[in-house]
Amino acid sequence: MSQTRALSGMTGSISTNTTLVHGARTQCPLLRGATAFQQQQRRQQQLARRLTTAAAQEQPSSFGDTVGRFAKNVRDAMPIVGLWSRLTATGGGVGSEDLMYPEYTRALYDSASEEFNEAMNKWDMLYKPEGSRRHTMLCLFMASTGPGLVTPRHSVLAARRLRVTFDAEIEMDRFQMAREEAGKEYEYVDRPRGSAKDSINLAVDTLCTLGPGLKDGVPLEGEPAELLLKIVSGAFSQYPDALALTQQAIQDRPSRAKAYVA
């Protein structure tokens, strides 16, 4: 009889401990984190299945194109790997992902040459507060990530408003909202991108509008033109011909006098 009571007690103890363990499983932050990670994995798997379906419907030119696009989209859906891909991509985001302003500025400052930094400092002293470093970086960001989705006129008008309002946050929000709205139809495919020439021309024109306050098509000359050459070519140094393209953009600025008229 005593052995039966002991066995019964042990069974009750085991049942109680199981309940306690189950309760701990729902309360332990570490276990909750593991559950959240599993849920994130399931969401990524579901996204991968949707991407597979989308890729199959596109009728690509080759099997290699299908595999390449699928792998890139799955990579971009992963938080850490996707961020690194956006930071190291030329011209902004990858696939349907857009490079945000903090990511852009961090990547540019990390890779910038001493010549670029010196030119930025001199430009800042020459044209601040309108052409401050912060406003200049915003114009470079719009020129780098906007072409293909946001009209160039949008960025030039933003530079004009900055000279009056000094409200970089508002202009940044306007730009990113316009870019996001235009990019909605490219959720699972590569978004259209402007060429290196498009971005560099826009960078030259927005900075001529922002700092010296030049009207469209008015040329920039002398020391300011030399500083602008170093700034823009340095900001787009991922392109091998960035220096030549920037020189051409500054020289041909008068030919773009009507490029930003509505």
C-alpha atoms as a PDB file:
ATOM      1  CA  MET A   1       0.000   0.000   0.000  1.00  0.00           C
ATOM      2  CA  SER A   2       2.815   2.412   0.908  1.00  0.00           C
ATOM      3  CA  GLN A   3       4.500   1.632  -2.400  1.00  0.00           C
ATOM      4  CA  THR A   4       1.262   2.462  -4.225  1.00  0.00           C
ATOM      5  CA  ARG A   5       1.008   5.834  -2.446  1.00  0.00           C
ATOM      6  CA  ALA A   6       4.644   6.590  -3.288  1.00  0.00           C
ATOM      7  CA  LEU A   7       4.085   5.736  -6.941  1.00  0.00           C
ATOM      8  CA  SER A   8       0.940   7.873  -7.013  1.00  0.00           C
ATOM      9  CA  GLY A   9       2.860  10.758  -5.469  1.00  0.00           C
ATOM     10  CA  MET A  10       5.595  10.464  -8.039  1.00  0.00           C
ATOM     11  CA  THR A  11       3.013  10.519 -10.849  1.00  0.00           C
ATOM     12  CA  GLY A  12       1.413  13.652  -9.433  1.00  0.00           C
ATOM     13  CA  SER A  13       4.806  15.271  -9.092  1.00  0.00           C
ATOM     14  CA  ILE A  14       5.650  14.484 -12.703  1.00  0.00           C
ATOM     15  CA  SER A  15       2.316  15.924 -13.849  1.00  0.00           C
ATOM     16  CA  THR A  16       2.895  19.090 -11.787  1.00  0.00           C
ATOM     17  CA  ASN A  17       6.416  19.508 -13.140  1.00  0.00           C
ATOM     18  CA  THR A  18       5.154  19.077 -16.701  1.00  0.00           C
ATOM     19  CA  THR A  19       2.642  21.837 -16.110  1.00  0.00           C
ATOM     20  CA  LEU A  20       5.347  24.079 -14.681  1.00  0.00           C
ATOM     21  CA  VAL A  21       7.653  23.415 -17.627  1.00  0.00           C
ATOM     22  CA  HIS A  22       4.823  24.159 -20.038  1.00  0.00           C
ATOM     23  CA  GLY A  23       4.135  27.421 -18.203  1.00  0.00           C
ATOM     24  CA  ALA A  24       7.816  28.329 -18.283  1.00  0.00           C
ATOM     25  CA  ARG A  25       7.854  27.648 -22.015  1.00  0.00           C
ATOM     26  CA  THR A  26       5.229  30.327 -22.550  1.00  0.00           C
ATOM     27  CA  GLN A  27       6.892  32.802 -20.181  1.00  0.00           C
ATOM     28  CA  CYS A  28      10.633  32.345 -20.846  1.00  0.00           C
ATOM     29  CA  PRO A  29      11.907  35.195 -23.084  1.00  0.00           C
ATOM     30  CA  LEU A  30      14.464  32.882 -24.701  1.00  0.00           C
ATOM     31  CA  LEU A  31      11.796  30.369 -25.711  1.00  0.00           C
ATOM     32  CA  ARG A  32       9.519  33.148 -26.917  1.00  0.00           C
ATOM     33  CA  GLY A  33      12.407  34.448 -29.042  1.00  0.00           C
ATOM     34  CA  ALA A  34      12.901  30.984 -30.539  1.00  0.00           C
ATOM     35  CA  THR A  35       9.195  30.815 -31.353  1.00  0.00           C
ATOM     36  CA  ALA A  36       9.332  34.245 -33.013  1.00  0.00           C
ATOM     37  CA  PHE A  37      12.349  33.123 -35.054  1.00  0.00           C
ATOM     38  CA  GLN A  38      10.446  30.031 -36.216  1.00  0.00           C
ATOM     39  CA  GLN A  39       7.507  32.193 -37.214  1.00  0.00           C
ATOM     40  CA  GLN A  40       9.849  34.485 -39.179  1.00  0.00           C
ATOM     41  CA  GLN A  41      11.318  31.433 -40.948  1.00  0.00           C
ATOM     42  CA  ARG A  42       7.827  30.266 -41.897  1.00  0.00           C
ATOM     43  CA  ARG A  43       7.003  33.717 -43.283  1.00  0.00           C
ATOM     44  CA  GLN A  44      10.188  33.689 -45.351  1.00  0.00           C
ATOM     45  CA  GLN A  45       9.330  30.211 -46.651  1.00  0.00           C
ATOM     46  CA  GLN A  46       5.885  31.457 -47.655  1.00  0.00           C
ATOM     47  CA  LEU A  47       7.491  34.448 -49.397  1.00  0.00           C
ATOM     48  CA  ALA A  48       9.870  32.093 -51.218  1.00  0.00           C
ATOM     49  CA  ARG A  49       6.920  30.055 -52.486  1.00  0.00           C
ATOM     50  CA  ARG A  50       5.194  33.205 -53.762  1.00  0.00           C
ATOM     51  CA  LEU A  51       8.407  34.319 -55.461  1.00  0.00           C
ATOM     52  CA  THR A  52       8.686  30.927 -57.160  1.00  0.00           C
ATOM     53  CA  THR A  53       5.170  31.322 -58.551  1.00  0.00           C
ATOM     54  CA  ALA A  54       5.873  34.870 -59.743  1.00  0.00           C
ATOM     55  CA  ALA A  55       9.120  33.804 -61.426  1.00  0.00           C
ATOM     56  CA  ALA A  56       7.341  30.946 -63.203  1.00  0.00           C
ATOM     57  CA  GLN A  57       4.772  33.360 -64.635  1.00  0.00           C
ATOM     58  CA  GLU A  58       7.336  35.784 -66.052  1.00  0.00           C
ATOM     59  CA  GLN A  59       8.547  33.463 -68.862  1.00  0.00           C
ATOM     60  CA  PRO A  60      12.221  34.492 -68.605  1.00  0.00           C
ATOM     61  CA  SER A  61      14.678  34.180 -71.433  1.00  0.00           C
ATOM     62  CA  SER A  62      16.534  31.281 -69.803  1.00  0.00           C
ATOM     63  CA  PHE A  63      16.493  28.917 -66.853  1.00  0.00           C
ATOM     64  CA  GLY A  64      19.530  30.740 -65.453  1.00  0.00           C
ATOM     65  CA  ASP A  65      17.576  34.010 -65.372  1.00  0.00           C
ATOM     66  CA  THR A  66      14.818  32.335 -63.353  1.00  0.00           C
ATOM     67  CA  VAL A  67      17.219  30.901 -60.794  1.00  0.00           C
ATOM     68  CA  GLY A  68      19.150  34.185 -60.513  1.00  0.00           C
ATOM     69  CA  ARG A  69      16.066  36.322 -59.913  1.00  0.00           C
ATOM     70  CA  PHE A  70      14.603  33.815 -57.452  1.00  0.00           C
ATOM     71  CA  ALA A  71      17.820  33.574 -55.416  1.00  0.00           C
ATOM     72  CA  LYS A  72      18.225  37.356 -55.318  1.00  0.00           C
ATOM     73  CA  ASN A  73      14.673  37.942 -54.100  1.00  0.00           C
ATOM     74  CA  VAL A  74      14.982  35.308 -51.372  1.00  0.00           C
ATOM     75  CA  ARG A  75      18.309  36.839 -50.314  1.00  0.00           C
ATOM     76  CA  ASP A  76      16.776  40.306 -50.095  1.00  0.00           C
ATOM     77  CA  ALA A  77      13.988  38.986 -47.843  1.00  0.00           C
ATOM     78  CA  MET A  78      16.546  37.947 -45.227  1.00  0.00           C
ATOM     79  CA  PRO A  79      17.072  40.836 -42.768  1.00  0.00           C
ATOM     80  CA  ILE A  80      20.874  40.889 -42.401  1.00  0.00           C
ATOM     81  CA  VAL A  81      21.862  39.615 -45.841  1.00  0.00           C
ATOM     82  CA  GLY A  82      19.311  41.884 -47.533  1.00  0.00           C
ATOM     83  CA  LEU A  83      20.677  44.947 -45.746  1.00  0.00           C
ATOM     84  CA  TRP A  84      24.253  44.137 -46.743  1.00  0.00           C
ATOM     85  CA  SER A  85      23.183  43.642 -50.367  1.00  0.00           C
ATOM     86  CA  ARG A  86      21.504  47.053 -50.420  1.00  0.00           C
ATOM     87  CA  LEU A  87      24.540  48.754 -48.896  1.00  0.00           C
ATOM     88  CA  THR A  88      26.952  47.271 -51.446  1.00  0.00           C
ATOM     89  CA  ALA A  89      24.727  47.601 -54.533  1.00  0.00           C
ATOM     90  CA  THR A  90      25.461  50.299 -57.096  1.00  0.00           C
ATOM     91  CA  GLY A  91      22.728  52.840 -57.551  1.00  0.00           C
ATOM     92  CA  GLY A  92      20.652  52.006 -54.488  1.00  0.00           C
ATOM     93  CA  GLY A  93      18.400  49.136 -53.487  1.00  0.00           C
ATOM     94  CA  VAL A  94      18.241  45.582 -54.755  1.00  0.00           C
ATOM     95  CA  GLY A  95      15.170  44.180 -56.495  1.00  0.00           C
ATOM     96  CA  SER A  96      12.108  45.686 -54.861  1.00  0.00           C
ATOM     97  CA  GLU A  97      14.103  46.994 -51.890  1.00  0.00           C
ATOM     98  CA  ASP A  98      15.002  50.674 -51.731  1.00  0.00           C
ATOM     99  CA  LEU A  99      18.076  52.014 -50.015  1.00  0.00           C
ATOM    100  CA  MET A 100      17.023  54.375 -47.230  1.00  0.00           C
ATOM    101  CA  TYR A 101      18.757  57.653 -46.412  1.00  0.00           C
ATOM    102  CA  PRO A 102      20.584  56.486 -43.222  1.00  0.00           C
ATOM    103  CA  GLU A 103      21.916  53.413 -45.051  1.00  0.00           C
ATOM    104  CA  TYR A 104      23.027  55.538 -48.005  1.00  0.00           C
ATOM    105  CA  THR A 105      24.877  58.122 -45.924  1.00  0.00           C
ATOM    106  CA  ARG A 106      26.609  55.476 -43.828  1.00  0.00           C
ATOM    107  CA  ALA A 107      27.766  53.564 -46.903  1.00  0.00           C
ATOM    108  CA  LEU A 108      28.971  56.742 -48.623  1.00  0.00           C
ATOM    109  CA  TYR A 109      30.896  58.049 -45.607  1.00  0.00           C
ATOM    110  CA  ASP A 110      32.516  54.634 -45.092  1.00  0.00           C
ATOM    111  CA  SER A 111      33.739  54.462 -48.689  1.00  0.00           C
ATOM    112  CA  ALA A 112      34.444  58.151 -49.354  1.00  0.00           C
ATOM    113  CA  SER A 113      37.928  59.346 -50.231  1.00  0.00           C
ATOM    114  CA  GLU A 114      39.762  62.127 -48.430  1.00  0.00           C
ATOM    115  CA  GLU A 115      39.376  64.284 -51.535  1.00  0.00           C
ATOM    116  CA  PHE A 116      35.584  63.876 -51.360  1.00  0.00           C
ATOM    117  CA  ASN A 117      35.469  64.848 -47.677  1.00  0.00           C
ATOM    118  CA  GLU A 118      37.651  67.913 -48.213  1.00  0.00           C
ATOM    119  CA  ALA A 119      35.487  69.071 -51.119  1.00  0.00           C
ATOM    120  CA  MET A 120      32.334  68.550 -49.037  1.00  0.00           C
ATOM    121  CA  ASN A 121      33.777  70.669 -46.218  1.00  0.00           C
ATOM    122  CA  LYS A 122      34.743  73.506 -48.575  1.00  0.00           C
ATOM    123  CA  TRP A 123      31.335  73.378 -50.317  1.00  0.00           C
ATOM    124  CA  ASP A 124      29.653  73.530 -46.907  1.00  0.00           C
ATOM    125  CA  MET A 125      31.664  76.602 -45.862  1.00  0.00           C
ATOM    126  CA  LEU A 126      31.079  78.282 -49.218  1.00  0.00           C
ATOM    127  CA  TYR A 127      27.307  77.812 -49.445  1.00  0.00           C
ATOM    128  CA  LYS A 128      25.916  77.102 -45.989  1.00  0.00           C
ATOM    129  CA  PRO A 129      23.289  77.182 -44.686  1.00  0.00           C
ATOM    130  CA  GLU A 130      21.534  76.454 -48.022  1.00  0.00           C
ATOM    131  CA  GLY A 131      24.281  74.154 -49.298  1.00  0.00           C
ATOM    132  CA  SER A 132      25.112  72.555 -45.962  1.00  0.00           C
ATOM    133  CA  ARG A 133      26.578  69.070 -45.832  1.00  0.00           C
ATOM    134  CA  ARG A 134      23.252  67.617 -44.765  1.00  0.00           C
ATOM    135  CA  HIS A 135      21.347  69.209 -47.643  1.00  0.00           C
ATOM    136  CA  THR A 136      24.082  68.175 -50.069  1.00  0.00           C
ATOM    137  CA  MET A 137      23.882  64.559 -48.901  1.00  0.00           C
ATOM    138  CA  LEU A 138      20.118  64.587 -49.397  1.00  0.00           C
ATOM    139  CA  CYS A 139      20.519  65.787 -52.995  1.00  0.00           C
ATOM    140  CA  LEU A 140      23.098  63.077 -53.678  1.00  0.00           C
ATOM    141  CA  PHE A 141      20.745  60.501 -52.145  1.00  0.00           C
ATOM    142  CA  MET A 142      17.865  61.573 -54.405  1.00  0.00           C
ATOM    143  CA  ALA A 143      20.110  61.550 -57.477  1.00  0.00           C
ATOM    144  CA  SER A 144      21.447  58.104 -56.609  1.00  0.00           C
ATOM    145  CA  THR A 145      18.205  56.289 -55.779  1.00  0.00           C
ATOM    146  CA  GLY A 146      15.507  58.254 -57.621  1.00  0.00           C
ATOM    147  CA  PRO A 147      16.106  57.883 -61.396  1.00  0.00           C
ATOM    148  CA  GLY A 148      13.875  55.231 -62.910  1.00  0.00           C
ATOM    149  CA  LEU A 149      11.080  55.772 -60.379  1.00  0.00           C
ATOM    150  CA  VAL A 150      10.993  59.439 -59.357  1.00  0.00           C
ATOM    151  CA  THR A 151      11.030  62.171 -61.989  1.00  0.00           C
ATOM    152  CA  PRO A 152      14.211  64.332 -62.037  1.00  0.00           C
ATOM    153  CA  ARG A 153      12.040  67.437 -61.725  1.00  0.00           C
ATOM    154  CA  HIS A 154      10.902  66.234 -58.292  1.00  0.00           C
ATOM    155  CA  SER A 155      14.479  66.326 -56.994  1.00  0.00           C
ATOM    156  CA  VAL A 156      15.295  69.709 -58.534  1.00  0.00           C
ATOM    157  CA  LEU A 157      12.163  71.242 -57.001  1.00  0.00           C
ATOM    158  CA  ALA A 158      13.129  69.717 -53.648  1.00  0.00           C
ATOM    159  CA  ALA A 159      16.516  71.457 -53.879  1.00  0.00           C
ATOM    160  CA  ARG A 160      14.782  74.773 -54.599  1.00  0.00           C
ATOM    161  CA  ARG A 161      12.492  74.384 -51.607  1.00  0.00           C
ATOM    162  CA  LEU A 162      15.403  73.469 -49.336  1.00  0.00           C
ATOM    163  CA  ARG A 163      16.958  76.873 -50.002  1.00  0.00           C
ATOM    164  CA  VAL A 164      13.861  78.483 -48.504  1.00  0.00           C
ATOM    165  CA  THR A 165      12.506  76.073 -45.885  1.00  0.00           C
ATOM    166  CA  PHE A 166      15.701  74.311 -44.711  1.00  0.00           C
ATOM    167  CA  ASP A 167      13.390  71.383 -43.892  1.00  0.00           C
ATOM    168  CA  ALA A 168      15.376  68.321 -44.954  1.00  0.00           C
ATOM    169  CA  GLU A 169      13.017  65.934 -43.133  1.00  0.00           C
ATOM    170  CA  ILE A 170       9.981  67.052 -45.125  1.00  0.00           C
ATOM    171  CA  GLU A 171      11.829  66.777 -48.443  1.00  0.00           C
ATOM    172  CA  MET A 172      13.187  63.371 -47.504  1.00  0.00           C
ATOM    173  CA  ASP A 173       9.686  62.144 -46.643  1.00  0.00           C
ATOM    174  CA  ARG A 174       8.254  63.540 -49.882  1.00  0.00           C
ATOM    175  CA  PHE A 175      10.931  61.846 -51.931  1.00  0.00           C
ATOM    176  CA  GLN A 176      10.683  58.469 -50.211  1.00  0.00           C
ATOM    177  CA  MET A 177       6.876  58.490 -50.413  1.00  0.00           C
ATOM    178  CA  ALA A 178       7.023  59.223 -54.142  1.00  0.00           C
ATOM    179  CA  ARG A 179       9.592  56.475 -54.644  1.00  0.00           C
ATOM    180  CA  GLU A 180       7.611  53.927 -52.629  1.00  0.00           C
ATOM    181  CA  GLU A 181       4.390  54.736 -54.459  1.00  0.00           C
ATOM    182  CA  ALA A 182       6.053  54.324 -57.853  1.00  0.00           C
ATOM    183  CA  GLY A 183       7.757  51.102 -56.759  1.00  0.00           C
ATOM    184  CA  LYS A 184       4.621  49.254 -55.639  1.00  0.00           C
ATOM    185  CA  GLU A 185       4.170  47.581 -59.006  1.00  0.00           C
ATOM    186  CA  TYR A 186       7.712  46.173 -58.809  1.00  0.00           C
ATOM    187  CA  GLU A 187       7.245  44.293 -55.522  1.00  0.00           C
ATOM    188  CA  TYR A 188       8.672  40.993 -56.762  1.00  0.00           C
ATOM    189  CA  VAL A 189      10.734  42.079 -59.764  1.00  0.00           C
ATOM    190  CA  ASP A 190      13.645  44.402 -60.379  1.00  0.00           C
ATOM    191  CA  ARG A 191      12.570  48.030 -60.363  1.00  0.00           C
ATOM    192  CA  PRO A 192      13.627  50.273 -63.267  1.00  0.00           C
ATOM    193  CA  ARG A 193      16.836  52.204 -62.716  1.00  0.00           C
ATOM    194  CA  GLY A 194      18.331  55.202 -64.391  1.00  0.00           C
ATOM    195  CA  SER A 195      21.795  55.045 -65.885  1.00  0.00           C
ATOM    196  CA  ALA A 196      24.961  56.368 -64.257  1.00  0.00           C
ATOM    197  CA  LYS A 197      24.717  59.366 -66.587  1.00  0.00           C
ATOM    198  CA  ASP A 198      21.138  60.070 -65.460  1.00  0.00           C
ATOM    199  CA  SER A 199      22.131  60.047 -61.793  1.00  0.00           C
ATOM    200  CA  ILE A 200      25.261  62.148 -62.252  1.00  0.00           C
ATOM    201  CA  ASN A 201      23.474  64.761 -64.394  1.00  0.00           C
ATOM    202  CA  LEU A 202      20.777  65.030 -61.733  1.00  0.00           C
ATOM    203  CA  ALA A 203      23.341  65.306 -58.929  1.00  0.00           C
ATOM    204  CA  VAL A 204      25.118  68.165 -60.714  1.00  0.00           C
ATOM    205  CA  ASP A 205      21.878  70.024 -61.400  1.00  0.00           C
ATOM    206  CA  THR A 206      20.358  69.639 -57.923  1.00  0.00           C
ATOM    207  CA  LEU A 207      23.579  70.812 -56.261  1.00  0.00           C
ATOM    208  CA  CYS A 208      23.865  73.799 -58.615  1.00  0.00           C
ATOM    209  CA  THR A 209      20.314  74.685 -57.626  1.00  0.00           C
ATOM    210  CA  LEU A 210      20.911  74.074 -53.914  1.00  0.00           C
ATOM    211  CA  GLY A 211      24.263  75.746 -53.195  1.00  0.00           C
ATOM    212  CA  PRO A 212      24.885  78.660 -55.573  1.00  0.00           C
ATOM    213  CA  GLY A 213      21.159  78.960 -56.330  1.00  0.00           C
ATOM    214  CA  LEU A 214      21.655  78.870 -60.112  1.00  0.00           C
ATOM    215  CA  LYS A 215      18.685  78.783 -62.445  1.00  0.00           C
ATOM    216  CA  ASP A 216      18.268  75.771 -64.738  1.00  0.00           C
ATOM    217  CA  GLY A 217      20.937  75.686 -67.434  1.00  0.00           C
ATOM    218  CA  VAL A 218      23.178  78.377 -65.930  1.00  0.00           C
ATOM    219  CA  PRO A 219      26.770  77.032 -65.933  1.00  0.00           C
ATOM    220  CA  LEU A 220      28.940  76.659 -62.851  1.00  0.00           C
ATOM    221  CA  GLU A 221      32.539  77.820 -63.205  1.00  0.00           C
ATOM    222  CA  GLY A 222      35.761  78.354 -61.280  1.00  0.00           C
ATOM    223  CA  GLU A 223      36.482  76.849 -57.865  1.00  0.00           C
ATOM    224  CA  PRO A 224      32.833  75.841 -57.219  1.00  0.00           C
ATOM    225  CA  ALA A 225      32.907  73.743 -60.403  1.00  0.00           C
ATOM    226  CA  GLU A 226      36.095  72.031 -59.225  1.00  0.00           C
ATOM    227  CA  LEU A 227      34.545  71.260 -55.846  1.00  0.00           C
ATOM    228  CA  LEU A 228      31.394  69.939 -57.497  1.00  0.00           C
ATOM    229  CA  LEU A 229      33.484  67.671 -59.720  1.00  0.00           C
ATOM    230  CA  LYS A 230      35.142  66.080 -56.673  1.00  0.00           C
ATOM    231  CA  ILE A 231      31.879  65.744 -54.750  1.00  0.00           C
ATOM    232  CA  VAL A 232      29.780  64.139 -57.472  1.00  0.00           C
ATOM    233  CA  SER A 233      32.489  61.890 -58.909  1.00  0.00           C
ATOM    234  CA  GLY A 234      33.337  60.786 -55.367  1.00  0.00           C
ATOM    235  CA  ALA A 235      29.698  60.048 -54.531  1.00  0.00           C
ATOM    236  CA  PHE A 236      29.391  57.858 -57.637  1.00  0.00           C
ATOM    237  CA  SER A 237      32.840  56.274 -57.488  1.00  0.00           C
ATOM    238  CA  GLN A 238      31.281  52.810 -57.975  1.00  0.00           C
ATOM    239  CA  TYR A 239      31.119  53.693 -61.676  1.00  0.00           C
ATOM    240  CA  PRO A 240      34.521  53.443 -63.423  1.00  0.00           C
ATOM    241  CA  ASP A 241      33.779  56.454 -65.649  1.00  0.00           C
ATOM    242  CA  ALA A 242      32.322  58.629 -62.875  1.00  0.00           C
ATOM    243  CA  LEU A 243      34.944  61.360 -63.273  1.00  0.00           C
ATOM    244  CA  ALA A 244      34.454  61.687 -67.039  1.00  0.00           C
ATOM    245  CA  LEU A 245      30.667  61.614 -66.690  1.00  0.00           C
ATOM    246  CA  THR A 246      30.769  64.335 -64.033  1.00  0.00           C
ATOM    247  CA  GLN A 247      33.034  66.546 -66.147  1.00  0.00           C
ATOM    248  CA  GLN A 248      30.632  66.112 -69.052  1.00  0.00           C
ATOM    249  CA  ALA A 249      27.596  66.841 -66.856  1.00  0.00           C
ATOM    250  CA  ILE A 250      29.093  70.126 -65.632  1.00  0.00           C
ATOM    251  CA  GLN A 251      30.141  71.131 -69.139  1.00  0.00           C
ATOM    252  CA  ASP A 252      26.768  70.265 -70.717  1.00  0.00           C
ATOM    253  CA  ARG A 253      24.625  71.854 -67.997  1.00  0.00           C
ATOM    254  CA  PRO A 254      23.396  74.687 -70.321  1.00  0.00           C
ATOM    255  CA  SER A 255      21.898  72.069 -72.639  1.00  0.00           C
ATOM    256  CA  ARG A 256      19.599  70.922 -69.822  1.00  0.00           C
ATOM    257  CA  ALA A 257      18.020  74.358 -69.334  1.00  0.00           C
ATOM    258  CA  LYS A 258      14.531  73.030 -70.116  1.00  0.00           C
ATOM    259  CA  ALA A 259      14.981  69.511 -68.789  1.00  0.00           C
ATOM    260  CA  TYR A 260      13.016  70.147 -65.576  1.00  0.00           C
ATOM    261  CA  VAL A 261      10.102  72.150 -66.961  1.00  0.00           C
ATOM    262  CA  ALA A 262       6.715  70.526 -66.272  1.00  0.00           C
END
